[in-house]
Amino acid sequence: SLPAQPRDRSQALADILVDCGLKAGQRIG
């Protein structure tokens, strides 16, 4: 989101990506 907009309802990017199915050892494009 744009600067100063709310940031109180989402996880950290790494946690979101893990929830999406990304993990160590993968070949990611």
mmCIF file of all heavy atoms, coordinates in Angstrom:
data_MODEL
# 
_entry.id   MODEL 
# 
loop_
_atom_site.group_PDB 
_atom_site.id 
_atom_site.type_symbol 
_atom_site.label_atom_id 
_atom_site.label_alt_id 
_atom_site.label_comp_id 
_atom_site.label_asym_id 
_atom_site.label_entity_id 
_atom_site.label_seq_id 
_atom_site.pdbx_PDB_ins_code 
_atom_site.Cartn_x 
_atom_site.Cartn_y 
_atom_site.Cartn_z 
_atom_site.occupancy 
_atom_site.B_iso_or_equiv 
_atom_site.pdbx_formal_charge 
_atom_site.auth_seq_id 
_atom_site.auth_comp_id 
_atom_site.auth_asym_id 
_atom_site.auth_atom_id 
_atom_site.pdbx_PDB_model_num 
ATOM 1   N N   . SER A 1 1  ? 0.832  -1.201  0.000   1.00 0.00 ? 1  SER A N   1 
ATOM 2   C CA  . SER A 1 1  ? 0.000  0.000   0.000   1.00 0.00 ? 1  SER A CA  1 
ATOM 3   C C   . SER A 1 1  ? 0.869  1.255   0.000   1.00 0.00 ? 1  SER A C   1 
ATOM 4   O O   . SER A 1 1  ? 2.079  1.213   0.256   1.00 0.00 ? 1  SER A O   1 
ATOM 5   C CB  . SER A 1 1  ? -0.900 0.005   1.235   1.00 0.00 ? 1  SER A CB  1 
ATOM 6   O OG  . SER A 1 1  ? -1.668 -1.176  1.310   1.00 0.00 ? 1  SER A OG  1 
ATOM 7   N N   . LEU A 1 2  ? 0.242  2.380   -0.265  1.00 0.00 ? 2  LEU A N   1 
ATOM 8   C CA  . LEU A 1 2  ? 0.969  3.643   -0.291  1.00 0.00 ? 2  LEU A CA  1 
ATOM 9   C C   . LEU A 1 2  ? 1.416  4.038   1.116   1.00 0.00 ? 2  LEU A C   1 
ATOM 10  O O   . LEU A 1 2  ? 0.813  3.619   2.112   1.00 0.00 ? 2  LEU A O   1 
ATOM 11  C CB  . LEU A 1 2  ? 0.084  4.723   -0.893  1.00 0.00 ? 2  LEU A CB  1 
ATOM 12  C CG  . LEU A 1 2  ? -0.419 4.434   -2.321  1.00 0.00 ? 2  LEU A CG  1 
ATOM 13  C CD1 . LEU A 1 2  ? -1.221 5.609   -2.848  1.00 0.00 ? 2  LEU A CD1 1 
ATOM 14  C CD2 . LEU A 1 2  ? 0.740  4.117   -3.267  1.00 0.00 ? 2  LEU A CD2 1 
ATOM 15  N N   . PRO A 1 3  ? 2.471  4.860   1.231   1.00 0.00 ? 3  PRO A N   1 
ATOM 16  C CA  . PRO A 1 3  ? 2.984  5.252   2.544   1.00 0.00 ? 3  PRO A CA  1 
ATOM 17  C C   . PRO A 1 3  ? 1.895  5.862   3.433   1.00 0.00 ? 3  PRO A C   1 
ATOM 18  O O   . PRO A 1 3  ? 1.051  6.625   2.972   1.00 0.00 ? 3  PRO A O   1 
ATOM 19  C CB  . PRO A 1 3  ? 4.068  6.288   2.205   1.00 0.00 ? 3  PRO A CB  1 
ATOM 20  C CG  . PRO A 1 3  ? 4.528  5.906   0.837   1.00 0.00 ? 3  PRO A CG  1 
ATOM 21  C CD  . PRO A 1 3  ? 3.308  5.406   0.135   1.00 0.00 ? 3  PRO A CD  1 
ATOM 22  N N   . ALA A 1 4  ? 1.935  5.492   4.706   1.00 0.00 ? 4  ALA A N   1 
ATOM 23  C CA  . ALA A 1 4  ? 1.044  5.980   5.766   1.00 0.00 ? 4  ALA A CA  1 
ATOM 24  C C   . ALA A 1 4  ? -0.332 5.337   5.755   1.00 0.00 ? 4  ALA A C   1 
ATOM 25  O O   . ALA A 1 4  ? -1.118 5.574   6.661   1.00 0.00 ? 4  ALA A O   1 
ATOM 26  C CB  . ALA A 1 4  ? 0.907  7.501   5.745   1.00 0.00 ? 4  ALA A CB  1 
ATOM 27  N N   . GLN A 1 5  ? -0.624 4.500   4.753   1.00 0.00 ? 5  GLN A N   1 
ATOM 28  C CA  . GLN A 1 5  ? -1.887 3.776   4.805   1.00 0.00 ? 5  GLN A CA  1 
ATOM 29  C C   . GLN A 1 5  ? -1.790 2.661   5.854   1.00 0.00 ? 5  GLN A C   1 
ATOM 30  O O   . GLN A 1 5  ? -0.691 2.248   6.238   1.00 0.00 ? 5  GLN A O   1 
ATOM 31  C CB  . GLN A 1 5  ? -2.234 3.193   3.433   1.00 0.00 ? 5  GLN A CB  1 
ATOM 32  C CG  . GLN A 1 5  ? -2.649 4.235   2.415   1.00 0.00 ? 5  GLN A CG  1 
ATOM 33  C CD  . GLN A 1 5  ? -3.164 3.613   1.121   1.00 0.00 ? 5  GLN A CD  1 
ATOM 34  O OE1 . GLN A 1 5  ? -3.230 2.390   0.979   1.00 0.00 ? 5  GLN A OE1 1 
ATOM 35  N NE2 . GLN A 1 5  ? -3.530 4.474   0.175   1.00 0.00 ? 5  GLN A NE2 1 
ATOM 36  N N   . PRO A 1 6  ? -2.930 2.154   6.333   1.00 0.00 ? 6  PRO A N   1 
ATOM 37  C CA  . PRO A 1 6  ? -2.918 1.135   7.384   1.00 0.00 ? 6  PRO A CA  1 
ATOM 38  C C   . PRO A 1 6  ? -2.097 -0.090  7.013   1.00 0.00 ? 6  PRO A C   1 
ATOM 39  O O   . PRO A 1 6  ? -2.084 -0.530  5.865   1.00 0.00 ? 6  PRO A O   1 
ATOM 40  C CB  . PRO A 1 6  ? -4.398 0.783   7.539   1.00 0.00 ? 6  PRO A CB  1 
ATOM 41  C CG  . PRO A 1 6  ? -5.130 1.998   7.087   1.00 0.00 ? 6  PRO A CG  1 
ATOM 42  C CD  . PRO A 1 6  ? -4.304 2.574   5.983   1.00 0.00 ? 6  PRO A CD  1 
ATOM 43  N N   . ARG A 1 7  ? -1.425 -0.626  8.031   1.00 0.00 ? 7  ARG A N   1 
ATOM 44  C CA  . ARG A 1 7  ? -0.609 -1.821  7.869   1.00 0.00 ? 7  ARG A CA  1 
ATOM 45  C C   . ARG A 1 7  ? -0.835 -2.756  9.065   1.00 0.00 ? 7  ARG A C   1 
ATOM 46  O O   . ARG A 1 7  ? 0.101  -3.342  9.580   1.00 0.00 ? 7  ARG A O   1 
ATOM 47  C CB  . ARG A 1 7  ? 0.869  -1.439  7.741   1.00 0.00 ? 7  ARG A CB  1 
ATOM 48  C CG  . ARG A 1 7  ? 1.246  -0.969  6.329   1.00 0.00 ? 7  ARG A CG  1 
ATOM 49  C CD  . ARG A 1 7  ? 2.524  -0.155  6.350   1.00 0.00 ? 7  ARG A CD  1 
ATOM 50  N NE  . ARG A 1 7  ? 3.079  0.034   5.022   1.00 0.00 ? 7  ARG A NE  1 
ATOM 51  C CZ  . ARG A 1 7  ? 2.588  0.836   4.085   1.00 0.00 ? 7  ARG A CZ  1 
ATOM 52  N NH1 . ARG A 1 7  ? 1.484  1.536   4.330   1.00 0.00 ? 7  ARG A NH1 1 
ATOM 53  N NH2 . ARG A 1 7  ? 3.172  0.944   2.904   1.00 0.00 ? 7  ARG A NH2 1 
ATOM 54  N N   . ASP A 1 8  ? -2.078 -2.892  9.467   1.00 0.00 ? 8  ASP A N   1 
ATOM 55  C CA  . ASP A 1 8  ? -2.372 -3.599  10.717  1.00 0.00 ? 8  ASP A CA  1 
ATOM 56  C C   . ASP A 1 8  ? -3.074 -4.940  10.504  1.00 0.00 ? 8  ASP A C   1 
ATOM 57  O O   . ASP A 1 8  ? -3.458 -5.592  11.466  1.00 0.00 ? 8  ASP A O   1 
ATOM 58  C CB  . ASP A 1 8  ? -3.256 -2.712  11.606  1.00 0.00 ? 8  ASP A CB  1 
ATOM 59  C CG  . ASP A 1 8  ? -4.563 -2.314  10.934  1.00 0.00 ? 8  ASP A CG  1 
ATOM 60  O OD1 . ASP A 1 8  ? -4.644 -2.390  9.679   1.00 0.00 ? 8  ASP A OD1 1 
ATOM 61  O OD2 . ASP A 1 8  ? -5.505 -1.928  11.644  1.00 0.00 ? 8  ASP A OD2 1 
ATOM 62  N N   . ARG A 1 9  ? -3.231 -5.376  9.238   1.00 0.00 ? 9  ARG A N   1 
ATOM 63  C CA  . ARG A 1 9  ? -4.027 -6.573  9.016   1.00 0.00 ? 9  ARG A CA  1 
ATOM 64  C C   . ARG A 1 9  ? -3.336 -7.615  8.149   1.00 0.00 ? 9  ARG A C   1 
ATOM 65  O O   . ARG A 1 9  ? -3.992 -8.530  7.658   1.00 0.00 ? 9  ARG A O   1 
ATOM 66  C CB  . ARG A 1 9  ? -5.372 -6.205  8.369   1.00 0.00 ? 9  ARG A CB  1 
ATOM 67  C CG  . ARG A 1 9  ? -6.288 -5.397  9.284   1.00 0.00 ? 9  ARG A CG  1 
ATOM 68  C CD  . ARG A 1 9  ? -7.688 -5.206  8.690   1.00 0.00 ? 9  ARG A CD  1 
ATOM 69  N NE  . ARG A 1 9  ? -7.658 -4.359  7.501   1.00 0.00 ? 9  ARG A NE  1 
ATOM 70  C CZ  . ARG A 1 9  ? -8.091 -4.720  6.293   1.00 0.00 ? 9  ARG A CZ  1 
ATOM 71  N NH1 . ARG A 1 9  ? -8.569 -5.935  6.113   1.00 0.00 ? 9  ARG A NH1 1 
ATOM 72  N NH2 . ARG A 1 9  ? -8.039 -3.881  5.284   1.00 0.00 ? 9  ARG A NH2 1 
ATOM 73  N N   . SER A 1 10 ? -2.033 -7.489  7.937   1.00 0.00 ? 10 SER A N   1 
ATOM 74  C CA  . SER A 1 10 ? -1.376 -8.484  7.090   1.00 0.00 ? 10 SER A CA  1 
ATOM 75  C C   . SER A 1 10 ? -0.091 -8.984  7.737   1.00 0.00 ? 10 SER A C   1 
ATOM 76  O O   . SER A 1 10 ? 0.540  -8.301  8.538   1.00 0.00 ? 10 SER A O   1 
ATOM 77  C CB  . SER A 1 10 ? -1.070 -7.901  5.707   1.00 0.00 ? 10 SER A CB  1 
ATOM 78  O OG  . SER A 1 10 ? -0.282 -6.747  5.784   1.00 0.00 ? 10 SER A OG  1 
ATOM 79  N N   . GLN A 1 11 ? 0.279  -10.201 7.373   1.00 0.00 ? 11 GLN A N   1 
ATOM 80  C CA  . GLN A 1 11 ? 1.495  -10.824 7.887   1.00 0.00 ? 11 GLN A CA  1 
ATOM 81  C C   . GLN A 1 11 ? 2.734  -10.241 7.212   1.00 0.00 ? 11 GLN A C   1 
ATOM 82  O O   . GLN A 1 11 ? 2.652  -9.493  6.237   1.00 0.00 ? 11 GLN A O   1 
ATOM 83  C CB  . GLN A 1 11 ? 1.446  -12.331 7.603   1.00 0.00 ? 11 GLN A CB  1 
ATOM 84  C CG  . GLN A 1 11 ? 0.328  -13.100 8.272   1.00 0.00 ? 11 GLN A CG  1 
ATOM 85  C CD  . GLN A 1 11 ? 0.348  -14.545 7.796   1.00 0.00 ? 11 GLN A CD  1 
ATOM 86  O OE1 . GLN A 1 11 ? -0.141 -14.872 6.713   1.00 0.00 ? 11 GLN A OE1 1 
ATOM 87  N NE2 . GLN A 1 11 ? 0.926  -15.422 8.611   1.00 0.00 ? 11 GLN A NE2 1 
ATOM 88  N N   . ALA A 1 12 ? 3.879  -10.659 7.698   1.00 0.00 ? 12 ALA A N   1 
ATOM 89  C CA  . ALA A 1 12 ? 5.143  -10.335 7.044   1.00 0.00 ? 12 ALA A CA  1 
ATOM 90  C C   . ALA A 1 12 ? 5.205  -11.059 5.701   1.00 0.00 ? 12 ALA A C   1 
ATOM 91  O O   . ALA A 1 12 ? 4.596  -12.118 5.506   1.00 0.00 ? 12 ALA A O   1 
ATOM 92  C CB  . ALA A 1 12 ? 6.314  -10.755 7.914   1.00 0.00 ? 12 ALA A CB  1 
ATOM 93  N N   . LEU A 1 13 ? 5.937  -10.495 4.772   1.00 0.00 ? 13 LEU A N   1 
ATOM 94  C CA  . LEU A 1 13 ? 6.003  -11.064 3.426   1.00 0.00 ? 13 LEU A CA  1 
ATOM 95  C C   . LEU A 1 13 ? 6.491  -12.512 3.452   1.00 0.00 ? 13 LEU A C   1 
ATOM 96  O O   . LEU A 1 13 ? 5.937  -13.375 2.766   1.00 0.00 ? 13 LEU A O   1 
ATOM 97  C CB  . LEU A 1 13 ? 6.910  -10.206 2.539   1.00 0.00 ? 13 LEU A CB  1 
ATOM 98  C CG  . LEU A 1 13 ? 7.077  -10.683 1.093   1.00 0.00 ? 13 LEU A CG  1 
ATOM 99  C CD1 . LEU A 1 13 ? 5.737  -10.757 0.375   1.00 0.00 ? 13 LEU A CD1 1 
ATOM 100 C CD2 . LEU A 1 13 ? 8.042  -9.754  0.343   1.00 0.00 ? 13 LEU A CD2 1 
ATOM 101 N N   . ALA A 1 14 ? 7.528  -12.792 4.229   1.00 0.00 ? 14 ALA A N   1 
ATOM 102 C CA  . ALA A 1 14 ? 8.060  -14.159 4.276   1.00 0.00 ? 14 ALA A CA  1 
ATOM 103 C C   . ALA A 1 14 ? 6.999  -15.151 4.744   1.00 0.00 ? 14 ALA A C   1 
ATOM 104 O O   . ALA A 1 14 ? 6.875  -16.260 4.201   1.00 0.00 ? 14 ALA A O   1 
ATOM 105 C CB  . ALA A 1 14 ? 9.281  -14.216 5.187   1.00 0.00 ? 14 ALA A CB  1 
ATOM 106 N N   . ASP A 1 15 ? 6.206  -14.759 5.739   1.00 0.00 ? 15 ASP A N   1 
ATOM 107 C CA  . ASP A 1 15 ? 5.159  -15.654 6.240   1.00 0.00 ? 15 ASP A CA  1 
ATOM 108 C C   . ASP A 1 15 ? 4.075  -15.883 5.192   1.00 0.00 ? 15 ASP A C   1 
ATOM 109 O O   . ASP A 1 15 ? 3.564  -17.001 5.037   1.00 0.00 ? 15 ASP A O   1 
ATOM 110 C CB  . ASP A 1 15 ? 4.543  -15.077 7.514   1.00 0.00 ? 15 ASP A CB  1 
ATOM 111 C CG  . ASP A 1 15 ? 5.539  -15.021 8.664   1.00 0.00 ? 15 ASP A CG  1 
ATOM 112 O OD1 . ASP A 1 15 ? 6.467  -15.850 8.688   1.00 0.00 ? 15 ASP A OD1 1 
ATOM 113 O OD2 . ASP A 1 15 ? 5.387  -14.130 9.527   1.00 0.00 ? 15 ASP A OD2 1 
ATOM 114 N N   . ILE A 1 16 ? 3.729  -14.843 4.473   1.00 0.00 ? 16 ILE A N   1 
ATOM 115 C CA  . ILE A 1 16 ? 2.727  -14.994 3.409   1.00 0.00 ? 16 ILE A CA  1 
ATOM 116 C C   . ILE A 1 16 ? 3.232  -15.934 2.324   1.00 0.00 ? 16 ILE A C   1 
ATOM 117 O O   . ILE A 1 16 ? 2.507  -16.818 1.844   1.00 0.00 ? 16 ILE A O   1 
ATOM 118 C CB  . ILE A 1 16 ? 2.373  -13.617 2.809   1.00 0.00 ? 16 ILE A CB  1 
ATOM 119 C CG1 . ILE A 1 16 ? 1.618  -12.764 3.836   1.00 0.00 ? 16 ILE A CG1 1 
ATOM 120 C CG2 . ILE A 1 16 ? 1.547  -13.773 1.539   1.00 0.00 ? 16 ILE A CG2 1 
ATOM 121 C CD1 . ILE A 1 16 ? 1.343  -11.350 3.359   1.00 0.00 ? 16 ILE A CD1 1 
ATOM 122 N N   . LEU A 1 17 ? 4.488  -15.773 1.945   1.00 0.00 ? 17 LEU A N   1 
ATOM 123 C CA  . LEU A 1 17 ? 5.039  -16.623 0.886   1.00 0.00 ? 17 LEU A CA  1 
ATOM 124 C C   . LEU A 1 17 ? 5.108  -18.079 1.329   1.00 0.00 ? 17 LEU A C   1 
ATOM 125 O O   . LEU A 1 17 ? 4.866  -18.995 0.520   1.00 0.00 ? 17 LEU A O   1 
ATOM 126 C CB  . LEU A 1 17 ? 6.421  -16.106 0.474   1.00 0.00 ? 17 LEU A CB  1 
ATOM 127 C CG  . LEU A 1 17 ? 6.434  -14.728 -0.199  1.00 0.00 ? 17 LEU A CG  1 
ATOM 128 C CD1 . LEU A 1 17 ? 7.861  -14.282 -0.485  1.00 0.00 ? 17 LEU A CD1 1 
ATOM 129 C CD2 . LEU A 1 17 ? 5.600  -14.729 -1.471  1.00 0.00 ? 17 LEU A CD2 1 
ATOM 130 N N   . VAL A 1 18 ? 5.424  -18.315 2.584   1.00 0.00 ? 18 VAL A N   1 
ATOM 131 C CA  . VAL A 1 18 ? 5.415  -19.692 3.104   1.00 0.00 ? 18 VAL A CA  1 
ATOM 132 C C   . VAL A 1 18 ? 4.000  -20.259 3.032   1.00 0.00 ? 18 VAL A C   1 
ATOM 133 O O   . VAL A 1 18 ? 3.779  -21.407 2.614   1.00 0.00 ? 18 VAL A O   1 
ATOM 134 C CB  . VAL A 1 18 ? 5.962  -19.735 4.538   1.00 0.00 ? 18 VAL A CB  1 
ATOM 135 C CG1 . VAL A 1 18 ? 5.685  -21.098 5.179   1.00 0.00 ? 18 VAL A CG1 1 
ATOM 136 C CG2 . VAL A 1 18 ? 7.459  -19.448 4.539   1.00 0.00 ? 18 VAL A CG2 1 
ATOM 137 N N   . ASP A 1 19 ? 3.004  -19.460 3.414   1.00 0.00 ? 19 ASP A N   1 
ATOM 138 C CA  . ASP A 1 19 ? 1.613  -19.903 3.327   1.00 0.00 ? 19 ASP A CA  1 
ATOM 139 C C   . ASP A 1 19 ? 1.200  -20.197 1.888   1.00 0.00 ? 19 ASP A C   1 
ATOM 140 O O   . ASP A 1 19 ? 0.343  -21.061 1.638   1.00 0.00 ? 19 ASP A O   1 
ATOM 141 C CB  . ASP A 1 19 ? 0.679  -18.846 3.912   1.00 0.00 ? 19 ASP A CB  1 
ATOM 142 C CG  . ASP A 1 19 ? 0.782  -18.742 5.428   1.00 0.00 ? 19 ASP A CG  1 
ATOM 143 O OD1 . ASP A 1 19 ? 1.361  -19.666 6.046   1.00 0.00 ? 19 ASP A OD1 1 
ATOM 144 O OD2 . ASP A 1 19 ? 0.292  -17.732 5.986   1.00 0.00 ? 19 ASP A OD2 1 
ATOM 145 N N   . CYS A 1 20 ? 1.810  -19.501 0.940   1.00 0.00 ? 20 CYS A N   1 
ATOM 146 C CA  . CYS A 1 20 ? 1.513  -19.741 -0.473  1.00 0.00 ? 20 CYS A CA  1 
ATOM 147 C C   . CYS A 1 20 ? 2.145  -21.030 -0.990  1.00 0.00 ? 20 CYS A C   1 
ATOM 148 O O   . CYS A 1 20 ? 1.776  -21.514 -2.074  1.00 0.00 ? 20 CYS A O   1 
ATOM 149 C CB  . CYS A 1 20 ? 2.011  -18.571 -1.320  1.00 0.00 ? 20 CYS A CB  1 
ATOM 150 S SG  . CYS A 1 20 ? 1.107  -17.026 -1.097  1.00 0.00 ? 20 CYS A SG  1 
ATOM 151 N N   . GLY A 1 21 ? 3.122  -21.572 -0.249  1.00 0.00 ? 21 GLY A N   1 
ATOM 152 C CA  . GLY A 1 21 ? 3.749  -22.821 -0.662  1.00 0.00 ? 21 GLY A CA  1 
ATOM 153 C C   . GLY A 1 21 ? 5.214  -22.723 -0.994  1.00 0.00 ? 21 GLY A C   1 
ATOM 154 O O   . GLY A 1 21 ? 5.829  -23.711 -1.428  1.00 0.00 ? 21 GLY A O   1 
ATOM 155 N N   . LEU A 1 22 ? 5.828  -21.553 -0.781  1.00 0.00 ? 22 LEU A N   1 
ATOM 156 C CA  . LEU A 1 22 ? 7.264  -21.425 -1.026  1.00 0.00 ? 22 LEU A CA  1 
ATOM 157 C C   . LEU A 1 22 ? 8.028  -21.920 0.200   1.00 0.00 ? 22 LEU A C   1 
ATOM 158 O O   . LEU A 1 22 ? 7.590  -21.749 1.332   1.00 0.00 ? 22 LEU A O   1 
ATOM 159 C CB  . LEU A 1 22 ? 7.627  -19.969 -1.304  1.00 0.00 ? 22 LEU A CB  1 
ATOM 160 C CG  . LEU A 1 22 ? 7.506  -19.506 -2.768  1.00 0.00 ? 22 LEU A CG  1 
ATOM 161 C CD1 . LEU A 1 22 ? 6.087  -19.656 -3.267  1.00 0.00 ? 22 LEU A CD1 1 
ATOM 162 C CD2 . LEU A 1 22 ? 7.976  -18.056 -2.918  1.00 0.00 ? 22 LEU A CD2 1 
ATOM 163 N N   . LYS A 1 23 ? 9.189  -22.534 -0.056  1.00 0.00 ? 23 LYS A N   1 
ATOM 164 C CA  . LYS A 1 23 ? 9.980  -23.047 1.041   1.00 0.00 ? 23 LYS A CA  1 
ATOM 165 C C   . LYS A 1 23 ? 11.436 -23.212 0.618   1.00 0.00 ? 23 LYS A C   1 
ATOM 166 O O   . LYS A 1 23 ? 11.773 -23.128 -0.577  1.00 0.00 ? 23 LYS A O   1 
ATOM 167 C CB  . LYS A 1 23 ? 9.426  -24.381 1.531   1.00 0.00 ? 23 LYS A CB  1 
ATOM 168 C CG  . LYS A 1 23 ? 9.329  -25.455 0.462   1.00 0.00 ? 23 LYS A CG  1 
ATOM 169 C CD  . LYS A 1 23 ? 8.608  -26.692 1.009   1.00 0.00 ? 23 LYS A CD  1 
ATOM 170 C CE  . LYS A 1 23 ? 8.452  -27.756 -0.076  1.00 0.00 ? 23 LYS A CE  1 
ATOM 171 N NZ  . LYS A 1 23 ? 7.702  -28.939 0.424   1.00 0.00 ? 23 LYS A NZ  1 
ATOM 172 N N   . ALA A 1 24 ? 12.270 -23.473 1.620   1.00 0.00 ? 24 ALA A N   1 
ATOM 173 C CA  . ALA A 1 24 ? 13.702 -23.644 1.364   1.00 0.00 ? 24 ALA A CA  1 
ATOM 174 C C   . ALA A 1 24 ? 13.935 -24.815 0.421   1.00 0.00 ? 24 ALA A C   1 
ATOM 175 O O   . ALA A 1 24 ? 13.222 -25.819 0.451   1.00 0.00 ? 24 ALA A O   1 
ATOM 176 C CB  . ALA A 1 24 ? 14.438 -23.877 2.683   1.00 0.00 ? 24 ALA A CB  1 
ATOM 177 N N   . GLY A 1 25 ? 14.952 -24.670 -0.396  1.00 0.00 ? 25 GLY A N   1 
ATOM 178 C CA  . GLY A 1 25 ? 15.347 -25.735 -1.303  1.00 0.00 ? 25 GLY A CA  1 
ATOM 179 C C   . GLY A 1 25 ? 14.662 -25.711 -2.651  1.00 0.00 ? 25 GLY A C   1 
ATOM 180 O O   . GLY A 1 25 ? 15.026 -26.483 -3.542  1.00 0.00 ? 25 GLY A O   1 
ATOM 181 N N   . GLN A 1 26 ? 13.705 -24.838 -2.836  1.00 0.00 ? 26 GLN A N   1 
ATOM 182 C CA  . GLN A 1 26 ? 12.988 -24.794 -4.105  1.00 0.00 ? 26 GLN A CA  1 
ATOM 183 C C   . GLN A 1 26 ? 13.767 -24.010 -5.165  1.00 0.00 ? 26 GLN A C   1 
ATOM 184 O O   . GLN A 1 26 ? 14.554 -23.115 -4.861  1.00 0.00 ? 26 GLN A O   1 
ATOM 185 C CB  . GLN A 1 26 ? 11.613 -24.145 -3.921  1.00 0.00 ? 26 GLN A CB  1 
ATOM 186 C CG  . GLN A 1 26 ? 10.605 -24.995 -3.176  1.00 0.00 ? 26 GLN A CG  1 
ATOM 187 C CD  . GLN A 1 26 ? 9.276  -24.269 -3.028  1.00 0.00 ? 26 GLN A CD  1 
ATOM 188 O OE1 . GLN A 1 26 ? 9.221  -23.047 -2.892  1.00 0.00 ? 26 GLN A OE1 1 
ATOM 189 N NE2 . GLN A 1 26 ? 8.188  -25.030 -3.037  1.00 0.00 ? 26 GLN A NE2 1 
ATOM 190 N N   . ARG A 1 27 ? 13.514 -24.374 -6.399  1.00 0.00 ? 27 ARG A N   1 
ATOM 191 C CA  . ARG A 1 27 ? 13.964 -23.567 -7.541  1.00 0.00 ? 27 ARG A CA  1 
ATOM 192 C C   . ARG A 1 27 ? 12.777 -22.680 -7.921  1.00 0.00 ? 27 ARG A C   1 
ATOM 193 O O   . ARG A 1 27 ? 11.731 -23.159 -8.373  1.00 0.00 ? 27 ARG A O   1 
ATOM 194 C CB  . ARG A 1 27 ? 14.366 -24.465 -8.709  1.00 0.00 ? 27 ARG A CB  1 
ATOM 195 C CG  . ARG A 1 27 ? 14.788 -23.708 -9.968  1.00 0.00 ? 27 ARG A CG  1 
ATOM 196 C CD  . ARG A 1 27 ? 15.263 -24.702 -11.039 1.00 0.00 ? 27 ARG A CD  1 
ATOM 197 N NE  . ARG A 1 27 ? 15.428 -24.063 -12.334 1.00 0.00 ? 27 ARG A NE  1 
ATOM 198 C CZ  . ARG A 1 27 ? 16.507 -23.405 -12.729 1.00 0.00 ? 27 ARG A CZ  1 
ATOM 199 N NH1 . ARG A 1 27 ? 17.527 -23.284 -11.883 1.00 0.00 ? 27 ARG A NH1 1 
ATOM 200 N NH2 . ARG A 1 27 ? 16.579 -22.862 -13.932 1.00 0.00 ? 27 ARG A NH2 1 
ATOM 201 N N   . ILE A 1 28 ? 12.938 -21.381 -7.712  1.00 0.00 ? 28 ILE A N   1 
ATOM 202 C CA  . ILE A 1 28 ? 11.840 -20.439 -7.866  1.00 0.00 ? 28 ILE A CA  1 
ATOM 203 C C   . ILE A 1 28 ? 12.149 -19.492 -9.025  1.00 0.00 ? 28 ILE A C   1 
ATOM 204 O O   . ILE A 1 28 ? 13.229 -18.891 -9.089  1.00 0.00 ? 28 ILE A O   1 
ATOM 205 C CB  . ILE A 1 28 ? 11.619 -19.633 -6.572  1.00 0.00 ? 28 ILE A CB  1 
ATOM 206 C CG1 . ILE A 1 28 ? 11.267 -20.587 -5.422  1.00 0.00 ? 28 ILE A CG1 1 
ATOM 207 C CG2 . ILE A 1 28 ? 10.523 -18.589 -6.765  1.00 0.00 ? 28 ILE A CG2 1 
ATOM 208 C CD1 . ILE A 1 28 ? 11.213 -19.905 -4.063  1.00 0.00 ? 28 ILE A CD1 1 
ATOM 209 N N   . GLY A 1 29 ? 11.208 -19.357 -9.938  1.00 0.00 ? 29 GLY A N   1 
ATOM 210 C CA  . GLY A 1 29 ? 11.342 -18.417 -11.042 1.00 0.00 ? 29 GLY A CA  1 
ATOM 211 C C   . GLY A 1 29 ? 10.730 -17.083 -10.683 1.00 0.00 ? 29 GLY A C   1 
ATOM 212 O O   . GLY A 1 29 ? 9.558  -17.012 -10.305 1.00 0.00 ? 29 GLY A O   1 
# 
